Amino acid sequence: MTEEEVINEEELPLPMAPLVRLMKKNLDKDKLIKSQVKISMNKWLGEMCERVSRAMNLNPYTSIDLAAFKEAIKTYEDLEEMQKEKERIVVSLEKIKQDCDSLIRDINRKFD
């Protein structure tokens, strides 16, 4: 590791080793993670922590409880569910489109 990487790692919001372990745990064994990816992941997670903390800070109480945390992360937790809902809606719209196309063909056949 170069001195520049050590300096950069010291400036990062989170310890690098646990993040890399988590990443490797969820990647194929033969995948290598470039240092830019490790650093970017670290910074991104730090920014997410800051966003969640700012959201929890909007809570008027002097202590932050689990309910406040869950409310603060709700937006991010709902993203996966929203993606599934989007896919379901697109499939439904595709079916409607096919039905409309079929009806148009029927009308054209009967009235042409």
PDB file of N, CA and C in Angstrom:
ATOM      1  N   MET A   1       0.849  -1.175   0.000  1.00  0.00           N
ATOM      2  CA  MET A   1       0.000   0.000   0.000  1.00  0.00           C
ATOM      3  C   MET A   1       0.895   1.240   0.000  1.00  0.00           C
ATOM      4  N   THR A   2       0.588   2.191  -0.849  1.00  0.00           N
ATOM      5  CA  THR A   2       1.411   3.393  -0.929  1.00  0.00           C
ATOM      6  C   THR A   2       1.039   4.352   0.190  1.00  0.00           C
ATOM      7  N   GLU A   3       1.907   5.328   0.386  1.00  0.00           N
ATOM      8  CA  GLU A   3       1.655   6.325   1.431  1.00  0.00           C
ATOM      9  C   GLU A   3       0.387   7.113   1.122  1.00  0.00           C
ATOM     10  N   GLU A   4       0.151   7.380  -0.173  1.00  0.00           N
ATOM     11  CA  GLU A   4      -1.040   8.122  -0.577  1.00  0.00           C
ATOM     12  C   GLU A   4      -2.309   7.351  -0.208  1.00  0.00           C
ATOM     13  N   GLU A   5      -2.310   6.024  -0.418  1.00  0.00           N
ATOM     14  CA  GLU A   5      -3.470   5.210  -0.066  1.00  0.00           C
ATOM     15  C   GLU A   5      -3.689   5.180   1.440  1.00  0.00           C
ATOM     16  N   VAL A   6      -2.608   5.166   2.221  1.00  0.00           N
ATOM     17  CA  VAL A   6      -2.719   5.195   3.681  1.00  0.00           C
ATOM     18  C   VAL A   6      -3.353   6.509   4.109  1.00  0.00           C
ATOM     19  N   ILE A   7      -2.886   7.603   3.524  1.00  0.00           N
ATOM     20  CA  ILE A   7      -3.447   8.917   3.852  1.00  0.00           C
ATOM     21  C   ILE A   7      -4.925   8.949   3.477  1.00  0.00           C
ATOM     22  N   ASN A   8      -5.275   8.473   2.285  1.00  0.00           N
ATOM     23  CA  ASN A   8      -6.669   8.455   1.860  1.00  0.00           C
ATOM     24  C   ASN A   8      -7.519   7.592   2.783  1.00  0.00           C
ATOM     25  N   GLU A   9      -6.986   6.444   3.183  1.00  0.00           N
ATOM     26  CA  GLU A   9      -7.745   5.550   4.057  1.00  0.00           C
ATOM     27  C   GLU A   9      -7.987   6.190   5.417  1.00  0.00           C
ATOM     28  N   GLU A  10      -7.033   6.955   5.903  1.00  0.00           N
ATOM     29  CA  GLU A  10      -7.206   7.639   7.185  1.00  0.00           C
ATOM     30  C   GLU A  10      -8.274   8.718   7.091  1.00  0.00           C
ATOM     31  N   GLU A  11      -8.478   9.265   5.900  1.00  0.00           N
ATOM     32  CA  GLU A  11      -9.476  10.315   5.713  1.00  0.00           C
ATOM     33  C   GLU A  11     -10.877   9.755   5.464  1.00  0.00           C
ATOM     34  N   LEU A  12     -10.975   8.464   5.275  1.00  0.00           N
ATOM     35  CA  LEU A  12     -12.268   7.848   4.982  1.00  0.00           C
ATOM     36  C   LEU A  12     -13.135   7.789   6.237  1.00  0.00           C
ATOM     37  N   PRO A  13     -14.454   7.823   6.049  1.00  0.00           N
ATOM     38  CA  PRO A  13     -15.354   7.850   7.206  1.00  0.00           C
ATOM     39  C   PRO A  13     -15.425   6.538   7.985  1.00  0.00           C
ATOM     40  N   LEU A  14     -15.141   5.413   7.340  1.00  0.00           N
ATOM     41  CA  LEU A  14     -15.302   4.106   7.983  1.00  0.00           C
ATOM     42  C   LEU A  14     -14.040   3.268   7.819  1.00  0.00           C
ATOM     43  N   PRO A  15     -13.820   2.324   8.722  1.00  0.00           N
ATOM     44  CA  PRO A  15     -12.675   1.419   8.560  1.00  0.00           C
ATOM     45  C   PRO A  15     -12.850   0.584   7.284  1.00  0.00           C
ATOM     46  N   MET A  16     -11.780   0.414   6.556  1.00  0.00           N
ATOM     47  CA  MET A  16     -11.855  -0.246   5.257  1.00  0.00           C
ATOM     48  C   MET A  16     -12.036  -1.764   5.364  1.00  0.00           C
ATOM     49  N   ALA A  17     -11.345  -2.413   6.292  1.00  0.00           N
ATOM     50  CA  ALA A  17     -11.338  -3.882   6.349  1.00  0.00           C
ATOM     51  C   ALA A  17     -12.738  -4.494   6.484  1.00  0.00           C
ATOM     52  N   PRO A  18     -13.589  -4.016   7.394  1.00  0.00           N
ATOM     53  CA  PRO A  18     -14.927  -4.623   7.494  1.00  0.00           C
ATOM     54  C   PRO A  18     -15.751  -4.453   6.213  1.00  0.00           C
ATOM     55  N   LEU A  19     -15.591  -3.307   5.549  1.00  0.00           N
ATOM     56  CA  LEU A  19     -16.326  -3.087   4.302  1.00  0.00           C
ATOM     57  C   LEU A  19     -15.876  -4.060   3.221  1.00  0.00           C
ATOM     58  N   VAL A  20     -14.568  -4.225   3.114  1.00  0.00           N
ATOM     59  CA  VAL A  20     -14.030  -5.135   2.104  1.00  0.00           C
ATOM     60  C   VAL A  20     -14.481  -6.565   2.394  1.00  0.00           C
ATOM     61  N   ARG A  21     -14.496  -6.949   3.666  1.00  0.00           N
ATOM     62  CA  ARG A  21     -14.976  -8.293   4.028  1.00  0.00           C
ATOM     63  C   ARG A  21     -16.429  -8.488   3.594  1.00  0.00           C
ATOM     64  N   LEU A  22     -17.264  -7.484   3.860  1.00  0.00           N
ATOM     65  CA  LEU A  22     -18.670  -7.578   3.455  1.00  0.00           C
ATOM     66  C   LEU A  22     -18.814  -7.653   1.939  1.00  0.00           C
ATOM     67  N   MET A  23     -18.038  -6.850   1.247  1.00  0.00           N
ATOM     68  CA  MET A  23     -18.102  -6.870  -0.213  1.00  0.00           C
ATOM     69  C   MET A  23     -17.681  -8.232  -0.751  1.00  0.00           C
ATOM     70  N   LYS A  24     -16.561  -8.750  -0.254  1.00  0.00           N
ATOM     71  CA  LYS A  24     -16.056 -10.040  -0.732  1.00  0.00           C
ATOM     72  C   LYS A  24     -17.018 -11.174  -0.410  1.00  0.00           C
ATOM     73  N   LYS A  25     -17.697 -11.066   0.712  1.00  0.00           N
ATOM     74  CA  LYS A  25     -18.659 -12.086   1.123  1.00  0.00           C
ATOM     75  C   LYS A  25     -19.788 -12.218   0.095  1.00  0.00           C
ATOM     76  N   ASN A  26     -20.098 -11.118  -0.584  1.00  0.00           N
ATOM     77  CA  ASN A  26     -21.216 -11.105  -1.528  1.00  0.00           C
ATOM     78  C   ASN A  26     -20.786 -11.112  -2.992  1.00  0.00           C
ATOM     79  N   LEU A  27     -19.502 -11.264  -3.241  1.00  0.00           N
ATOM     80  CA  LEU A  27     -18.985 -11.342  -4.607  1.00  0.00           C
ATOM     81  C   LEU A  27     -18.458 -12.746  -4.867  1.00  0.00           C
ATOM     82  N   ASP A  28     -18.372 -13.109  -6.131  1.00  0.00           N
ATOM     83  CA  ASP A  28     -17.758 -14.389  -6.494  1.00  0.00           C
ATOM     84  C   ASP A  28     -16.315 -14.409  -6.015  1.00  0.00           C
ATOM     85  N   LYS A  29     -15.829 -15.594  -5.682  1.00  0.00           N
ATOM     86  CA  LYS A  29     -14.471 -15.755  -5.136  1.00  0.00           C
ATOM     87  C   LYS A  29     -13.392 -15.240  -6.083  1.00  0.00           C
ATOM     88  N   ASP A  30     -13.618 -15.342  -7.389  1.00  0.00           N
ATOM     89  CA  ASP A  30     -12.586 -14.946  -8.348  1.00  0.00           C
ATOM     90  C   ASP A  30     -12.579 -13.450  -8.666  1.00  0.00           C
ATOM     91  N   LYS A  31     -13.487 -12.679  -8.074  1.00  0.00           N
ATOM     92  CA  LYS A  31     -13.559 -11.241  -8.336  1.00  0.00           C
ATOM     93  C   LYS A  31     -12.547 -10.489  -7.481  1.00  0.00           C
ATOM     94  N   LEU A  32     -11.892  -9.529  -8.104  1.00  0.00           N
ATOM     95  CA  LEU A  32     -10.982  -8.634  -7.392  1.00  0.00           C
ATOM     96  C   LEU A  32     -11.639  -7.269  -7.304  1.00  0.00           C
ATOM     97  N   ILE A  33     -11.490  -6.618  -6.167  1.00  0.00           N
ATOM     98  CA  ILE A  33     -12.095  -5.303  -5.965  1.00  0.00           C
ATOM     99  C   ILE A  33     -10.991  -4.260  -6.080  1.00  0.00           C
ATOM    100  N   LYS A  34     -11.134  -3.366  -7.039  1.00  0.00           N
ATOM    101  CA  LYS A  34     -10.130  -2.321  -7.219  1.00  0.00           C
ATOM    102  C   LYS A  34     -10.225  -1.326  -6.069  1.00  0.00           C
ATOM    103  N   SER A  35      -9.096  -0.697  -5.766  1.00  0.00           N
ATOM    104  CA  SER A  35      -9.047   0.220  -4.624  1.00  0.00           C
ATOM    105  C   SER A  35     -10.002   1.391  -4.807  1.00  0.00           C
ATOM    106  N   GLN A  36     -10.204   1.849  -6.046  1.00  0.00           N
ATOM    107  CA  GLN A  36     -11.147   2.948  -6.288  1.00  0.00           C
ATOM    108  C   GLN A  36     -12.556   2.560  -5.853  1.00  0.00           C
ATOM    109  N   VAL A  37     -12.911   1.298  -6.074  1.00  0.00           N
ATOM    110  CA  VAL A  37     -14.242   0.819  -5.689  1.00  0.00           C
ATOM    111  C   VAL A  37     -14.358   0.778  -4.170  1.00  0.00           C
ATOM    112  N   LYS A  38     -13.329   0.290  -3.505  1.00  0.00           N
ATOM    113  CA  LYS A  38     -13.334   0.221  -2.039  1.00  0.00           C
ATOM    114  C   LYS A  38     -13.485   1.617  -1.442  1.00  0.00           C
ATOM    115  N   ILE A  39     -12.720   2.559  -1.975  1.00  0.00           N
ATOM    116  CA  ILE A  39     -12.764   3.935  -1.475  1.00  0.00           C
ATOM    117  C   ILE A  39     -14.127   4.558  -1.756  1.00  0.00           C
ATOM    118  N   SER A  40     -14.638   4.354  -2.971  1.00  0.00           N
ATOM    119  CA  SER A  40     -15.944   4.922  -3.329  1.00  0.00           C
ATOM    120  C   SER A  40     -17.058   4.343  -2.472  1.00  0.00           C
ATOM    121  N   MET A  41     -17.009   3.041  -2.215  1.00  0.00           N
ATOM    122  CA  MET A  41     -18.006   2.400  -1.353  1.00  0.00           C
ATOM    123  C   MET A  41     -17.947   3.005   0.049  1.00  0.00           C
ATOM    124  N   ASN A  42     -16.754   3.198   0.560  1.00  0.00           N
ATOM    125  CA  ASN A  42     -16.562   3.757   1.892  1.00  0.00           C
ATOM    126  C   ASN A  42     -17.161   5.162   1.967  1.00  0.00           C
ATOM    127  N   LYS A  43     -16.849   5.982   0.975  1.00  0.00           N
ATOM    128  CA  LYS A  43     -17.371   7.362   0.960  1.00  0.00           C
ATOM    129  C   LYS A  43     -18.886   7.369   0.823  1.00  0.00           C
ATOM    130  N   TRP A  44     -19.404   6.502  -0.042  1.00  0.00           N
ATOM    131  CA  TRP A  44     -20.845   6.450  -0.252  1.00  0.00           C
ATOM    132  C   TRP A  44     -21.570   6.038   1.028  1.00  0.00           C
ATOM    133  N   LEU A  45     -21.055   5.028   1.702  1.00  0.00           N
ATOM    134  CA  LEU A  45     -21.669   4.599   2.965  1.00  0.00           C
ATOM    135  C   LEU A  45     -21.589   5.695   4.015  1.00  0.00           C
ATOM    136  N   GLY A  46     -20.473   6.427   4.029  1.00  0.00           N
ATOM    137  CA  GLY A  46     -20.350   7.556   4.944  1.00  0.00           C
ATOM    138  C   GLY A  46     -21.397   8.620   4.660  1.00  0.00           C
ATOM    139  N   GLU A  47     -21.613   8.911   3.369  1.00  0.00           N
ATOM    140  CA  GLU A  47     -22.636   9.896   2.988  1.00  0.00           C
ATOM    141  C   GLU A  47     -24.034   9.414   3.361  1.00  0.00           C
ATOM    142  N   MET A  48     -24.292   8.120   3.185  1.00  0.00           N
ATOM    143  CA  MET A  48     -25.595   7.570   3.566  1.00  0.00           C
ATOM    144  C   MET A  48     -25.814   7.707   5.069  1.00  0.00           C
ATOM    145  N   CYS A  49     -24.774   7.444   5.831  1.00  0.00           N
ATOM    146  CA  CYS A  49     -24.860   7.584   7.287  1.00  0.00           C
ATOM    147  C   CYS A  49     -25.178   9.034   7.657  1.00  0.00           C
ATOM    148  N   GLU A  50     -24.541   9.973   6.962  1.00  0.00           N
ATOM    149  CA  GLU A  50     -24.808  11.389   7.231  1.00  0.00           C
ATOM    150  C   GLU A  50     -26.252  11.747   6.901  1.00  0.00           C
ATOM    151  N   ARG A  51     -26.756  11.260   5.756  1.00  0.00           N
ATOM    152  CA  ARG A  51     -28.145  11.553   5.368  1.00  0.00           C
ATOM    153  C   ARG A  51     -29.131  11.000   6.395  1.00  0.00           C
ATOM    154  N   VAL A  52     -28.909   9.763   6.803  1.00  0.00           N
ATOM    155  CA  VAL A  52     -29.801   9.138   7.781  1.00  0.00           C
ATOM    156  C   VAL A  52     -29.726   9.893   9.106  1.00  0.00           C
ATOM    157  N   SER A  53     -28.529  10.295   9.487  1.00  0.00           N
ATOM    158  CA  SER A  53     -28.359  11.036  10.744  1.00  0.00           C
ATOM    159  C   SER A  53     -29.074  12.380  10.684  1.00  0.00           C
ATOM    160  N   ARG A  54     -28.990  13.060   9.534  1.00  0.00           N
ATOM    161  CA  ARG A  54     -29.703  14.342   9.393  1.00  0.00           C
ATOM    162  C   ARG A  54     -31.209  14.127   9.482  1.00  0.00           C
ATOM    163  N   ALA A  55     -31.691  13.051   8.883  1.00  0.00           N
ATOM    164  CA  ALA A  55     -33.125  12.753   8.953  1.00  0.00           C
ATOM    165  C   ALA A  55     -33.547  12.463  10.393  1.00  0.00           C
ATOM    166  N   MET A  56     -32.721  11.715  11.122  1.00  0.00           N
ATOM    167  CA  MET A  56     -33.047  11.420  12.525  1.00  0.00           C
ATOM    168  C   MET A  56     -32.983  12.688  13.368  1.00  0.00           C
ATOM    169  N   ASN A  57     -32.128  13.619  12.985  1.00  0.00           N
ATOM    170  CA  ASN A  57     -31.985  14.862  13.734  1.00  0.00           C
ATOM    171  C   ASN A  57     -33.245  15.722  13.658  1.00  0.00           C
ATOM    172  N   LEU A  58     -34.086  15.488  12.667  1.00  0.00           N
ATOM    173  CA  LEU A  58     -35.344  16.228  12.558  1.00  0.00           C
ATOM    174  C   LEU A  58     -36.322  15.834  13.662  1.00  0.00           C
ATOM    175  N   ASN A  59     -36.062  14.711  14.307  1.00  0.00           N
ATOM    176  CA  ASN A  59     -36.869  14.249  15.427  1.00  0.00           C
ATOM    177  C   ASN A  59     -36.756  15.275  16.561  1.00  0.00           C
ATOM    178  N   PRO A  60     -37.875  15.731  17.122  1.00  0.00           N
ATOM    179  CA  PRO A  60     -37.818  16.782  18.142  1.00  0.00           C
ATOM    180  C   PRO A  60     -37.317  16.323  19.516  1.00  0.00           C
ATOM    181  N   TYR A  61     -37.185  15.031  19.713  1.00  0.00           N
ATOM    182  CA  TYR A  61     -36.794  14.520  21.024  1.00  0.00           C
ATOM    183  C   TYR A  61     -35.279  14.542  21.198  1.00  0.00           C
ATOM    184  N   THR A  62     -34.842  14.522  22.453  1.00  0.00           N
ATOM    185  CA  THR A  62     -33.404  14.597  22.733  1.00  0.00           C
ATOM    186  C   THR A  62     -32.685  13.272  22.540  1.00  0.00           C
ATOM    187  N   SER A  63     -33.420  12.175  22.482  1.00  0.00           N
ATOM    188  CA  SER A  63     -32.771  10.887  22.214  1.00  0.00           C
ATOM    189  C   SER A  63     -33.372  10.279  20.945  1.00  0.00           C
ATOM    190  N   ILE A  64     -32.544   9.545  20.244  1.00  0.00           N
ATOM    191  CA  ILE A  64     -32.970   8.906  19.000  1.00  0.00           C
ATOM    192  C   ILE A  64     -33.257   7.436  19.302  1.00  0.00           C
ATOM    193  N   ASP A  65     -34.481   7.017  19.053  1.00  0.00           N
ATOM    194  CA  ASP A  65     -34.832   5.619  19.304  1.00  0.00           C
ATOM    195  C   ASP A  65     -34.893   4.837  17.990  1.00  0.00           C
ATOM    196  N   LEU A  66     -35.169   3.564  18.104  1.00  0.00           N
ATOM    197  CA  LEU A  66     -35.197   2.695  16.932  1.00  0.00           C
ATOM    198  C   LEU A  66     -36.274   3.130  15.937  1.00  0.00           C
ATOM    199  N   ALA A  67     -37.390   3.618  16.449  1.00  0.00           N
ATOM    200  CA  ALA A  67     -38.470   4.070  15.562  1.00  0.00           C
ATOM    201  C   ALA A  67     -38.001   5.233  14.691  1.00  0.00           C
ATOM    202  N   ALA A  68     -37.233   6.153  15.274  1.00  0.00           N
ATOM    203  CA  ALA A  68     -36.705   7.287  14.505  1.00  0.00           C
ATOM    204  C   ALA A  68     -35.728   6.803  13.442  1.00  0.00           C
ATOM    205  N   PHE A  69     -34.899   5.824  13.802  1.00  0.00           N
ATOM    206  CA  PHE A  69     -33.959   5.257  12.836  1.00  0.00           C
ATOM    207  C   PHE A  69     -34.714   4.595  11.686  1.00  0.00           C
ATOM    208  N   LYS A  70     -35.713   3.778  12.019  1.00  0.00           N
ATOM    209  CA  LYS A  70     -36.476   3.078  10.983  1.00  0.00           C
ATOM    210  C   LYS A  70     -37.193   4.062  10.065  1.00  0.00           C
ATOM    211  N   GLU A  71     -37.687   5.140  10.634  1.00  0.00           N
ATOM    212  CA  GLU A  71     -38.338   6.172   9.819  1.00  0.00           C
ATOM    213  C   GLU A  71     -37.325   6.839   8.889  1.00  0.00           C
ATOM    214  N   ALA A  72     -36.125   7.066   9.389  1.00  0.00           N
ATOM    215  CA  ALA A  72     -35.087   7.724   8.594  1.00  0.00           C
ATOM    216  C   ALA A  72     -34.608   6.854   7.433  1.00  0.00           C
ATOM    217  N   ILE A  73     -34.604   5.540   7.610  1.00  0.00           N
ATOM    218  CA  ILE A  73     -34.119   4.659   6.538  1.00  0.00           C
ATOM    219  C   ILE A  73     -35.249   4.139   5.655  1.00  0.00           C
ATOM    220  N   LYS A  74     -36.479   4.490   6.000  1.00  0.00           N
ATOM    221  CA  LYS A  74     -37.644   3.980   5.270  1.00  0.00           C
ATOM    222  C   LYS A  74     -37.535   4.239   3.771  1.00  0.00           C
ATOM    223  N   THR A  75     -37.123   5.411   3.386  1.00  0.00           N
ATOM    224  CA  THR A  75     -36.988   5.752   1.968  1.00  0.00           C
ATOM    225  C   THR A  75     -36.070   4.773   1.258  1.00  0.00           C
ATOM    226  N   TYR A  76     -34.954   4.468   1.872  1.00  0.00           N
ATOM    227  CA  TYR A  76     -33.967   3.589   1.248  1.00  0.00           C
ATOM    228  C   TYR A  76     -34.422   2.135   1.265  1.00  0.00           C
ATOM    229  N   GLU A  77     -35.101   1.744   2.311  1.00  0.00           N
ATOM    230  CA  GLU A  77     -35.611   0.384   2.401  1.00  0.00           C
ATOM    231  C   GLU A  77     -36.733   0.158   1.388  1.00  0.00           C
ATOM    232  N   ASP A  78     -37.500   1.201   1.120  1.00  0.00           N
ATOM    233  CA  ASP A  78     -38.631   1.085   0.206  1.00  0.00           C
ATOM    234  C   ASP A  78     -38.206   1.055  -1.261  1.00  0.00           C
ATOM    235  N   LEU A  79     -36.967   1.419  -1.565  1.00  0.00           N
ATOM    236  CA  LEU A  79     -36.518   1.462  -2.954  1.00  0.00           C
ATOM    237  C   LEU A  79     -36.653   0.112  -3.646  1.00  0.00           C
ATOM    238  N   GLU A  80     -36.263  -0.944  -2.980  1.00  0.00           N
ATOM    239  CA  GLU A  80     -36.357  -2.277  -3.578  1.00  0.00           C
ATOM    240  C   GLU A  80     -37.814  -2.646  -3.824  1.00  0.00           C
ATOM    241  N   GLU A  81     -38.654  -2.329  -2.870  1.00  0.00           N
ATOM    242  CA  GLU A  81     -40.079  -2.621  -3.016  1.00  0.00           C
ATOM    243  C   GLU A  81     -40.675  -1.802  -4.161  1.00  0.00           C
ATOM    244  N   MET A  82     -40.253  -0.549  -4.283  1.00  0.00           N
ATOM    245  CA  MET A  82     -40.747   0.292  -5.372  1.00  0.00           C
ATOM    246  C   MET A  82     -40.295  -0.251  -6.726  1.00  0.00           C
ATOM    247  N   GLN A  83     -39.086  -0.779  -6.809  1.00  0.00           N
ATOM    248  CA  GLN A  83     -38.593  -1.368  -8.057  1.00  0.00           C
ATOM    249  C   GLN A  83     -39.449  -2.572  -8.451  1.00  0.00           C
ATOM    250  N   LYS A  84     -39.784  -3.406  -7.475  1.00  0.00           N
ATOM    251  CA  LYS A  84     -40.644  -4.563  -7.753  1.00  0.00           C
ATOM    252  C   LYS A  84     -42.021  -4.103  -8.227  1.00  0.00           C
ATOM    253  N   GLU A  85     -42.547  -3.066  -7.584  1.00  0.00           N
ATOM    254  CA  GLU A  85     -43.852  -2.528  -7.968  1.00  0.00           C
ATOM    255  C   GLU A  85     -43.797  -1.967  -9.387  1.00  0.00           C
ATOM    256  N   LYS A  86     -42.714  -1.280  -9.708  1.00  0.00           N
ATOM    257  CA  LYS A  86     -42.535  -0.733 -11.060  1.00  0.00           C
ATOM    258  C   LYS A  86     -42.560  -1.857 -12.090  1.00  0.00           C
ATOM    259  N   GLU A  87     -41.826  -2.929 -11.819  1.00  0.00           N
ATOM    260  CA  GLU A  87     -41.787  -4.064 -12.743  1.00  0.00           C
ATOM    261  C   GLU A  87     -43.164  -4.686 -12.910  1.00  0.00           C
ATOM    262  N   ARG A  88     -43.912  -4.790 -11.816  1.00  0.00           N
ATOM    263  CA  ARG A  88     -45.262  -5.348 -11.880  1.00  0.00           C
ATOM    264  C   ARG A  88     -46.164  -4.463 -12.739  1.00  0.00           C
ATOM    265  N   ILE A  89     -46.059  -3.151 -12.564  1.00  0.00           N
ATOM    266  CA  ILE A  89     -46.879  -2.211 -13.335  1.00  0.00           C
ATOM    267  C   ILE A  89     -46.522  -2.273 -14.816  1.00  0.00           C
ATOM    268  N   VAL A  90     -45.231  -2.347 -15.124  1.00  0.00           N
ATOM    269  CA  VAL A  90     -44.797  -2.423 -16.522  1.00  0.00           C
ATOM    270  C   VAL A  90     -45.354  -3.678 -17.184  1.00  0.00           C
ATOM    271  N   VAL A  91     -45.311  -4.807 -16.477  1.00  0.00           N
ATOM    272  CA  VAL A  91     -45.865  -6.051 -17.028  1.00  0.00           C
ATOM    273  C   VAL A  91     -47.362  -5.888 -17.283  1.00  0.00           C
ATOM    274  N   SER A  92     -48.075  -5.272 -16.341  1.00  0.00           N
ATOM    275  CA  SER A  92     -49.513  -5.052 -16.514  1.00  0.00           C
ATOM    276  C   SER A  92     -49.788  -4.145 -17.708  1.00  0.00           C
ATOM    277  N   LEU A  93     -48.998  -3.087 -17.846  1.00  0.00           N
ATOM    278  CA  LEU A  93     -49.184  -2.169 -18.969  1.00  0.00           C
ATOM    279  C   LEU A  93     -48.878  -2.843 -20.304  1.00  0.00           C
ATOM    280  N   GLU A  94     -47.884  -3.715 -20.320  1.00  0.00           N
ATOM    281  CA  GLU A  94     -47.569  -4.464 -21.547  1.00  0.00           C
ATOM    282  C   GLU A  94     -48.752  -5.344 -21.948  1.00  0.00           C
ATOM    283  N   LYS A  95     -49.392  -5.976 -20.955  1.00  0.00           N
ATOM    284  CA  LYS A  95     -50.569  -6.805 -21.244  1.00  0.00           C
ATOM    285  C   LYS A  95     -51.706  -5.949 -21.791  1.00  0.00           C
ATOM    286  N   ILE A  96     -51.917  -4.787 -21.190  1.00  0.00           N
ATOM    287  CA  ILE A  96     -52.961  -3.873 -21.666  1.00  0.00           C
ATOM    288  C   ILE A  96     -52.653  -3.436 -23.095  1.00  0.00           C
ATOM    289  N   LYS A  97     -51.394  -3.140 -23.360  1.00  0.00           N
ATOM    290  CA  LYS A  97     -50.981  -2.730 -24.705  1.00  0.00           C
ATOM    291  C   LYS A  97     -51.267  -3.840 -25.716  1.00  0.00           C
ATOM    292  N   GLN A  98     -50.951  -5.071 -25.350  1.00  0.00           N
ATOM    293  CA  GLN A  98     -51.229  -6.204 -26.243  1.00  0.00           C
ATOM    294  C   GLN A  98     -52.731  -6.355 -26.485  1.00  0.00           C
ATOM    295  N   ASP A  99     -53.526  -6.170 -25.426  1.00  0.00           N
ATOM    296  CA  ASP A  99     -54.982  -6.242 -25.573  1.00  0.00           C
ATOM    297  C   ASP A  99     -55.488  -5.143 -26.503  1.00  0.00           C
ATOM    298  N   CYS A 100     -54.954  -3.940 -26.346  1.00  0.00           N
ATOM    299  CA  CYS A 100     -55.354  -2.822 -27.207  1.00  0.00           C
ATOM    300  C   CYS A 100     -54.986  -3.105 -28.660  1.00  0.00           C
ATOM    301  N   ASP A 101     -53.785  -3.610 -28.881  1.00  0.00           N
ATOM    302  CA  ASP A 101     -53.353  -3.948 -30.240  1.00  0.00           C
ATOM    303  C   ASP A 101     -54.270  -5.006 -30.849  1.00  0.00           C
ATOM    304  N   SER A 102     -54.649  -5.973 -30.052  1.00  0.00           N
ATOM    305  CA  SER A 102     -55.547  -7.024 -30.521  1.00  0.00           C
ATOM    306  C   SER A 102     -56.916  -6.446 -30.879  1.00  0.00           C
ATOM    307  N   LEU A 103     -57.432  -5.564 -30.039  1.00  0.00           N
ATOM    308  CA  LEU A 103     -58.724  -4.933 -30.315  1.00  0.00           C
ATOM    309  C   LEU A 103     -58.665  -4.083 -31.579  1.00  0.00           C
ATOM    310  N   ILE A 104     -57.579  -3.380 -31.777  1.00  0.00           N
ATOM    311  CA  ILE A 104     -57.415  -2.558 -32.987  1.00  0.00           C
ATOM    312  C   ILE A 104     -57.426  -3.450 -34.226  1.00  0.00           C
ATOM    313  N   ARG A 105     -56.725  -4.564 -34.163  1.00  0.00           N
ATOM    314  CA  ARG A 105     -56.724  -5.502 -35.295  1.00  0.00           C
ATOM    315  C   ARG A 105     -58.140  -6.033 -35.561  1.00  0.00           C
ATOM    316  N   ASP A 106     -58.856  -6.365 -34.499  1.00  0.00           N
ATOM    317  CA  ASP A 106     -60.230  -6.864 -34.659  1.00  0.00           C
ATOM    318  C   ASP A 106     -61.123  -5.815 -35.311  1.00  0.00           C
ATOM    319  N   ILE A 107     -61.017  -4.587 -34.845  1.00  0.00           N
ATOM    320  CA  ILE A 107     -61.830  -3.501 -35.402  1.00  0.00           C
ATOM    321  C   ILE A 107     -61.479  -3.284 -36.866  1.00  0.00           C
ATOM    322  N   ASN A 108     -60.198  -3.252 -37.171  1.00  0.00           N
ATOM    323  CA  ASN A 108     -59.773  -3.050 -38.561  1.00  0.00           C
ATOM    324  C   ASN A 108     -60.258  -4.182 -39.459  1.00  0.00           C
ATOM    325  N   ARG A 109     -60.231  -5.380 -38.958  1.00  0.00           N
ATOM    326  CA  ARG A 109     -60.665  -6.536 -39.737  1.00  0.00           C
ATOM    327  C   ARG A 109     -62.180  -6.471 -39.993  1.00  0.00           C
ATOM    328  N   LYS A 110     -62.953  -6.033 -39.006  1.00  0.00           N
ATOM    329  CA  LYS A 110     -64.408  -6.018 -39.138  1.00  0.00           C
ATOM    330  C   LYS A 110     -64.917  -4.829 -39.938  1.00  0.00           C
ATOM    331  N   PHE A 111     -64.204  -3.706 -39.882  1.00  0.00           N
ATOM    332  CA  PHE A 111     -64.726  -2.497 -40.510  1.00  0.00           C
ATOM    333  C   PHE A 111     -63.934  -2.057 -41.734  1.00  0.00           C
ATOM    334  N   ASP A 112     -63.050  -2.867 -42.211  1.00  0.00           N
ATOM    335  CA  ASP A 112     -62.310  -2.513 -43.429  1.00  0.00           C
ATOM    336  C   ASP A 112     -62.783  -3.295 -44.605  1.00  0.00           C
TER     337      ASP A 112
END
